[in-house]
């Protein structure tokens, strides 16, 4: 098992205050309970890996996106050279976050956002074609991400772009990956953590949540709270189906 980093790049994240023009009763993202919770108390981050879990619409990806903005990363996937992209509403929460940093500084960083990979791949191809831009794909394996399957392109980023002593944010990577590829991702994360990296991951995938010695935070209507692997709803529901698939289908489909 890889040892934890002696000092995280990010120790915690908190919301400084609600902007005057965005009271707590206002719309997205300020109305999300988990966002209000960030104002009430900092979210402590594990030095190795913090997982954000929760139902669709709970705010886990919104919080991860805001951390990316606060860290100077691209909202639509990317590192610091992609900072500043995204709509104003995508950036507003991140601009109000304070990152409590550790003594170390990351050598590199990256935000991998599942739903934005198509646009990110297109931007890389455009950069490759720009004058003096040849070589933009080198950090991603030297091959256009568009020439690979969704899952292959994800693993190309993971295997080629992510390196030692990095801060990495992953938003629902399981959307592109088979169970075998999820295991490959988990193994790659373990290697990178052993090389001094820190991960923050929003996910529904029990396979990823099995990562050893990680922190799992549930994002819900009640705000933000630590939760054990066995208590995560995605884990419990998956076990119910795997333990008795026929019975679960009968109950679900009322047959």
Protein backbone atom coordinates (compact mmCIF):
# COMPACT_ATOMS: atom_id res chain seq x y z
CA UNK A 1 0.00 0.00 0.00
CA UNK A 2 1.48 3.40 -0.92
CA UNK A 3 2.22 5.61 2.09
CA UNK A 4 0.28 8.84 2.50
CA UNK A 5 1.91 12.08 1.52
CA UNK A 6 3.53 13.77 4.51
CA UNK A 7 1.85 17.05 3.58
CA UNK A 8 -1.11 17.59 1.24
CA UNK A 9 -1.16 20.25 -1.43
CA UNK A 10 -4.66 21.22 -0.28
CA UNK A 11 -5.57 20.81 3.38
CA UNK A 12 -9.13 22.13 3.17
CA UNK A 13 -11.55 24.25 1.18
CA UNK A 14 -14.09 26.75 2.45
CA UNK A 15 -16.52 29.33 1.12
CA UNK A 16 -15.51 32.80 2.27
CA UNK A 17 -19.00 34.26 2.17
CA UNK A 18 -22.09 34.44 0.03
CA UNK A 19 -21.78 37.42 -2.31
CA UNK A 20 -24.19 40.22 -1.43
CA UNK A 21 -26.02 39.76 -4.74
CA UNK A 22 -26.31 35.99 -4.14
CA UNK A 23 -28.13 35.44 -0.81
CA UNK A 24 -28.66 31.91 0.47
CA UNK A 25 -32.19 31.93 -0.95
CA UNK A 26 -30.90 32.59 -4.48
CA UNK A 27 -30.65 30.02 -7.24
CA UNK A 28 -27.91 27.70 -8.40
CA UNK A 29 -25.30 27.14 -7.07
CA UNK A 30 -25.92 29.11 -3.87
CA UNK A 31 -29.10 27.21 -2.96
CA UNK A 32 -27.33 23.84 -2.79
CA UNK A 33 -27.13 22.67 0.87
CA UNK A 34 -23.59 21.41 0.43
CA UNK A 35 -22.51 24.85 -0.80
CA UNK A 36 -24.02 26.44 2.32
CA UNK A 37 -22.15 23.83 4.38
CA UNK A 38 -18.85 25.02 2.89
CA UNK A 39 -19.61 28.46 4.30
CA UNK A 40 -20.41 27.07 7.73
CA UNK A 41 -17.32 24.85 8.06
CA UNK A 42 -14.27 24.01 5.90
CA UNK A 43 -14.17 20.71 4.02
CA UNK A 44 -11.01 18.96 5.23
CA UNK A 45 -9.18 17.04 2.50
CA UNK A 46 -7.25 13.79 2.84
CA UNK A 47 -3.54 14.04 1.93
CA UNK A 48 -3.92 11.10 -0.48
CA UNK A 49 -7.46 10.90 -1.81
CA UNK A 50 -10.84 12.42 -0.99
CA UNK A 51 -13.97 11.01 -2.64
CA UNK A 52 -17.17 13.03 -2.96
CA UNK A 53 -20.27 10.85 -3.22
CA UNK A 54 -23.97 11.60 -3.43
CA UNK A 55 -27.09 11.47 -5.56
CA UNK A 56 -27.39 13.24 -8.89
CA UNK A 57 -27.97 16.92 -8.22
CA UNK A 58 -26.46 16.81 -4.72
CA UNK A 59 -23.69 19.21 -5.70
CA UNK A 60 -20.59 17.00 -5.63
CA UNK A 61 -19.53 17.86 -9.19
CA UNK A 62 -20.39 21.52 -8.59
CA UNK A 63 -18.06 21.60 -5.58
CA UNK A 64 -15.30 19.77 -7.45
CA UNK A 65 -15.63 22.21 -10.36
CA UNK A 66 -15.40 25.14 -7.93
CA UNK A 67 -12.20 23.71 -6.42
CA UNK A 68 -10.79 23.46 -9.95
CA UNK A 69 -11.59 27.12 -10.60
CA UNK A 70 -10.07 28.18 -7.28
CA UNK A 71 -6.95 26.16 -8.10
CA UNK A 72 -6.61 27.90 -11.46
CA UNK A 73 -7.52 24.91 -13.63
CA UNK A 74 -9.70 24.66 -16.74
CA UNK A 75 -13.41 24.16 -16.04
CA UNK A 76 -13.79 22.04 -19.17
CA UNK A 77 -10.88 19.75 -18.23
CA UNK A 78 -7.24 20.70 -18.38
CA UNK A 79 -4.40 22.17 -16.38
CA UNK A 80 -3.37 25.76 -15.76
CA UNK A 81 -2.92 26.48 -19.46
CA UNK A 82 -6.70 26.01 -19.79
CA UNK A 83 -7.60 28.33 -16.89
CA UNK A 84 -10.23 30.96 -17.53
CA UNK A 85 -12.54 28.88 -19.71
CA UNK A 86 -16.17 28.20 -18.85
CA UNK A 87 -19.30 30.27 -18.37
CA UNK A 88 -19.60 32.90 -15.65
CA UNK A 89 -22.07 30.77 -13.65
CA UNK A 90 -19.62 27.84 -13.80
CA UNK A 91 -16.88 30.02 -12.32
CA UNK A 92 -18.81 32.08 -9.75
CA UNK A 93 -18.63 29.61 -6.87
CA UNK A 94 -14.95 28.86 -7.38
CA UNK A 95 -14.14 32.55 -7.29
CA UNK A 96 -15.57 32.69 -3.75
CA UNK A 97 -13.66 29.66 -2.43
CA UNK A 98 -10.57 29.78 -0.25
CA UNK A 99 -8.12 26.90 -0.62
CA UNK A 100 -6.21 26.12 2.56
CA UNK A 101 -2.88 25.03 1.12
CA UNK A 102 -0.19 22.87 2.65
CA UNK A 103 3.53 23.57 2.69
CA UNK A 104 4.09 21.65 -0.55
CA UNK A 105 3.21 22.97 -4.00
CA UNK A 106 2.20 20.62 -6.82
CA UNK A 107 4.62 20.13 -9.66
CA UNK A 108 1.64 19.70 -12.01
CA UNK A 109 -2.16 19.61 -11.81
CA UNK A 110 -5.16 18.62 -13.90
CA UNK A 111 -8.97 18.59 -13.81
CA UNK A 112 -10.49 15.64 -15.70
CA UNK A 113 -14.19 16.28 -16.26
CA UNK A 114 -16.07 13.40 -17.87
CA UNK A 115 -18.83 15.40 -19.54
CA UNK A 116 -16.35 17.83 -21.13
CA UNK A 117 -13.92 15.35 -22.67
CA UNK A 118 -15.26 15.75 -26.21
CA UNK A 119 -14.65 19.50 -26.16
CA UNK A 120 -11.28 19.05 -24.48
CA UNK A 121 -10.16 16.59 -27.18
CA UNK A 122 -11.22 19.09 -29.86
CA UNK A 123 -9.22 21.89 -28.19
CA UNK A 124 -6.12 19.70 -28.12
CA UNK A 125 -6.47 18.93 -31.84
CA UNK A 126 -6.87 22.64 -32.59
CA UNK A 127 -3.75 23.45 -30.55
CA UNK A 128 -1.83 20.78 -32.47
CA UNK A 129 -2.75 22.46 -35.76
CA UNK A 130 -1.88 26.00 -34.64
CA UNK A 131 1.36 27.59 -35.85
CA UNK A 132 4.18 26.51 -33.55
CA UNK A 133 1.64 24.36 -31.69
CA UNK A 134 2.87 20.98 -32.85
CA UNK A 135 3.46 18.75 -29.86
CA UNK A 136 0.29 19.59 -27.92
CA UNK A 137 -0.68 15.91 -28.00
CA UNK A 138 2.68 14.66 -26.77
CA UNK A 139 1.63 14.88 -23.12
CA UNK A 140 -1.40 12.71 -23.92
CA UNK A 141 0.34 9.86 -25.69
CA UNK A 142 0.93 11.58 -29.04
CA UNK A 143 -2.39 10.49 -30.56
CA UNK A 144 -5.60 12.48 -30.94
CA UNK A 145 -8.11 11.63 -28.23
CA UNK A 146 -10.77 11.69 -30.95
CA UNK A 147 -9.09 8.68 -32.57
CA UNK A 148 -9.69 6.61 -29.44
CA UNK A 149 -12.78 5.31 -27.70
CA UNK A 150 -14.17 7.30 -24.78
CA UNK A 151 -12.57 4.96 -22.28
CA UNK A 152 -9.26 4.78 -24.14
CA UNK A 153 -9.01 8.57 -24.25
CA UNK A 154 -9.61 8.74 -20.50
CA UNK A 155 -6.85 6.26 -19.82
CA UNK A 156 -4.52 8.10 -22.21
CA UNK A 157 -4.94 11.22 -20.07
CA UNK A 158 -4.52 9.25 -16.84
CA UNK A 159 -1.48 7.30 -18.00
CA UNK A 160 0.36 10.02 -19.93
CA UNK A 161 -0.68 13.44 -18.60
CA UNK A 162 -0.74 12.71 -14.85
CA UNK A 163 2.69 12.51 -13.26
CA UNK A 164 4.41 12.55 -9.84
CA UNK A 165 3.80 15.27 -7.25
CA UNK A 166 0.55 16.39 -8.85
CA UNK A 167 -2.84 17.62 -7.68
CA UNK A 168 -5.58 15.86 -9.64
CA UNK A 169 -9.34 16.39 -9.71
CA UNK A 170 -11.48 13.71 -11.40
CA UNK A 171 -15.20 14.19 -12.06
CA UNK A 172 -17.10 10.90 -12.46
CA UNK A 173 -14.39 9.07 -14.43
CA UNK A 174 -16.48 5.89 -14.29
CA UNK A 175 -18.80 7.30 -16.97
CA UNK A 176 -16.25 6.29 -19.61
CA UNK A 177 -14.65 3.22 -18.07
CA UNK A 178 -15.42 -0.49 -17.96
CA UNK A 179 -14.92 -2.37 -14.66
CA UNK A 180 -11.52 -3.56 -15.93
CA UNK A 181 -10.53 0.00 -16.79
CA UNK A 182 -11.72 1.23 -13.40
CA UNK A 183 -9.35 -1.25 -11.78
CA UNK A 184 -6.58 0.05 -14.05
CA UNK A 185 -7.42 3.60 -12.95
CA UNK A 186 -7.37 2.57 -9.30
CA UNK A 187 -3.94 0.96 -9.73
CA UNK A 188 -2.64 4.05 -11.53
CA UNK A 189 -3.96 6.29 -8.74
CA UNK A 190 -2.15 4.13 -6.17
CA UNK A 191 1.12 4.49 -8.10
CA UNK A 192 0.66 8.26 -8.34
CA UNK A 193 -0.19 8.62 -4.65
CA UNK A 194 3.00 6.72 -3.85
CA UNK A 195 4.76 9.30 -6.03
CA UNK A 196 3.47 12.20 -3.92
CA UNK A 197 0.13 12.99 -5.61
CA UNK A 198 -3.18 14.08 -4.10
CA UNK A 199 -6.60 13.27 -5.63
CA UNK A 200 -10.08 14.72 -5.18
CA UNK A 201 -12.68 12.58 -6.99
CA UNK A 202 -16.43 12.87 -7.47
CA UNK A 203 -17.79 9.40 -8.19
CA UNK A 204 -20.61 6.85 -7.99
CA UNK A 205 -18.27 3.88 -8.53
CA UNK A 206 -17.88 1.37 -5.66
CA UNK A 207 -14.70 0.04 -7.31
CA UNK A 208 -12.99 3.42 -6.96
CA UNK A 209 -14.37 3.95 -3.47
CA UNK A 210 -12.51 0.81 -2.37
CA UNK A 211 -9.23 2.74 -2.72
CA UNK A 212 -7.32 2.07 0.54
CA UNK A 213 -6.93 4.69 3.26
CA UNK A 214 -9.03 7.32 1.52
CA UNK A 215 -11.61 9.75 2.86
CA UNK A 216 -15.20 9.52 1.62
CA UNK A 217 -17.47 12.56 2.04
CA UNK A 218 -21.20 12.32 1.39
CA UNK A 219 -22.77 15.33 -0.33
CA UNK A 220 -26.49 15.49 0.43
CA UNK A 221 -29.43 17.67 1.42
CA UNK A 222 -27.91 17.69 4.90
CA UNK A 223 -24.65 19.18 3.65
CA UNK A 224 -21.27 17.46 3.87
CA UNK A 225 -20.40 14.56 6.17
CA UNK A 226 -17.81 11.75 6.33
CA UNK A 227 -19.19 8.31 5.49
CA UNK A 228 -17.79 4.78 5.51
CA UNK A 229 -17.45 2.64 2.39
CA UNK A 230 -20.10 0.18 3.58
CA UNK A 231 -22.62 2.98 4.20
CA UNK A 232 -22.34 4.63 0.77
CA UNK A 233 -25.67 4.20 -1.04
CA UNK A 234 -24.02 3.18 -4.32
CA UNK A 235 -22.17 0.41 -2.47
CA UNK A 236 -25.28 -0.81 -0.65
CA UNK A 237 -27.45 -0.84 -3.80
CA UNK A 238 -24.77 -2.60 -5.85
CA UNK A 239 -24.48 -5.29 -3.19
CA UNK A 240 -28.25 -5.80 -3.16
CA UNK A 241 -28.28 -6.41 -6.89
CA UNK A 242 -25.19 -8.66 -6.92
CA UNK A 243 -26.35 -10.73 -3.93
CA UNK A 244 -29.77 -11.49 -5.46
CA UNK A 245 -30.15 -10.14 -9.01
CA UNK A 246 -33.32 -12.07 -9.82
CA UNK A 247 -35.01 -11.11 -6.57
CA UNK A 248 -34.00 -7.49 -6.92
CA UNK A 249 -35.42 -7.36 -10.46
CA UNK A 250 -38.67 -8.93 -9.30
CA UNK A 251 -39.06 -6.30 -6.60
CA UNK A 252 -38.00 -3.47 -8.88
CA UNK A 253 -40.15 -4.49 -11.85
CA UNK A 254 -42.99 -5.93 -9.72
CA UNK A 255 -43.03 -9.19 -11.72
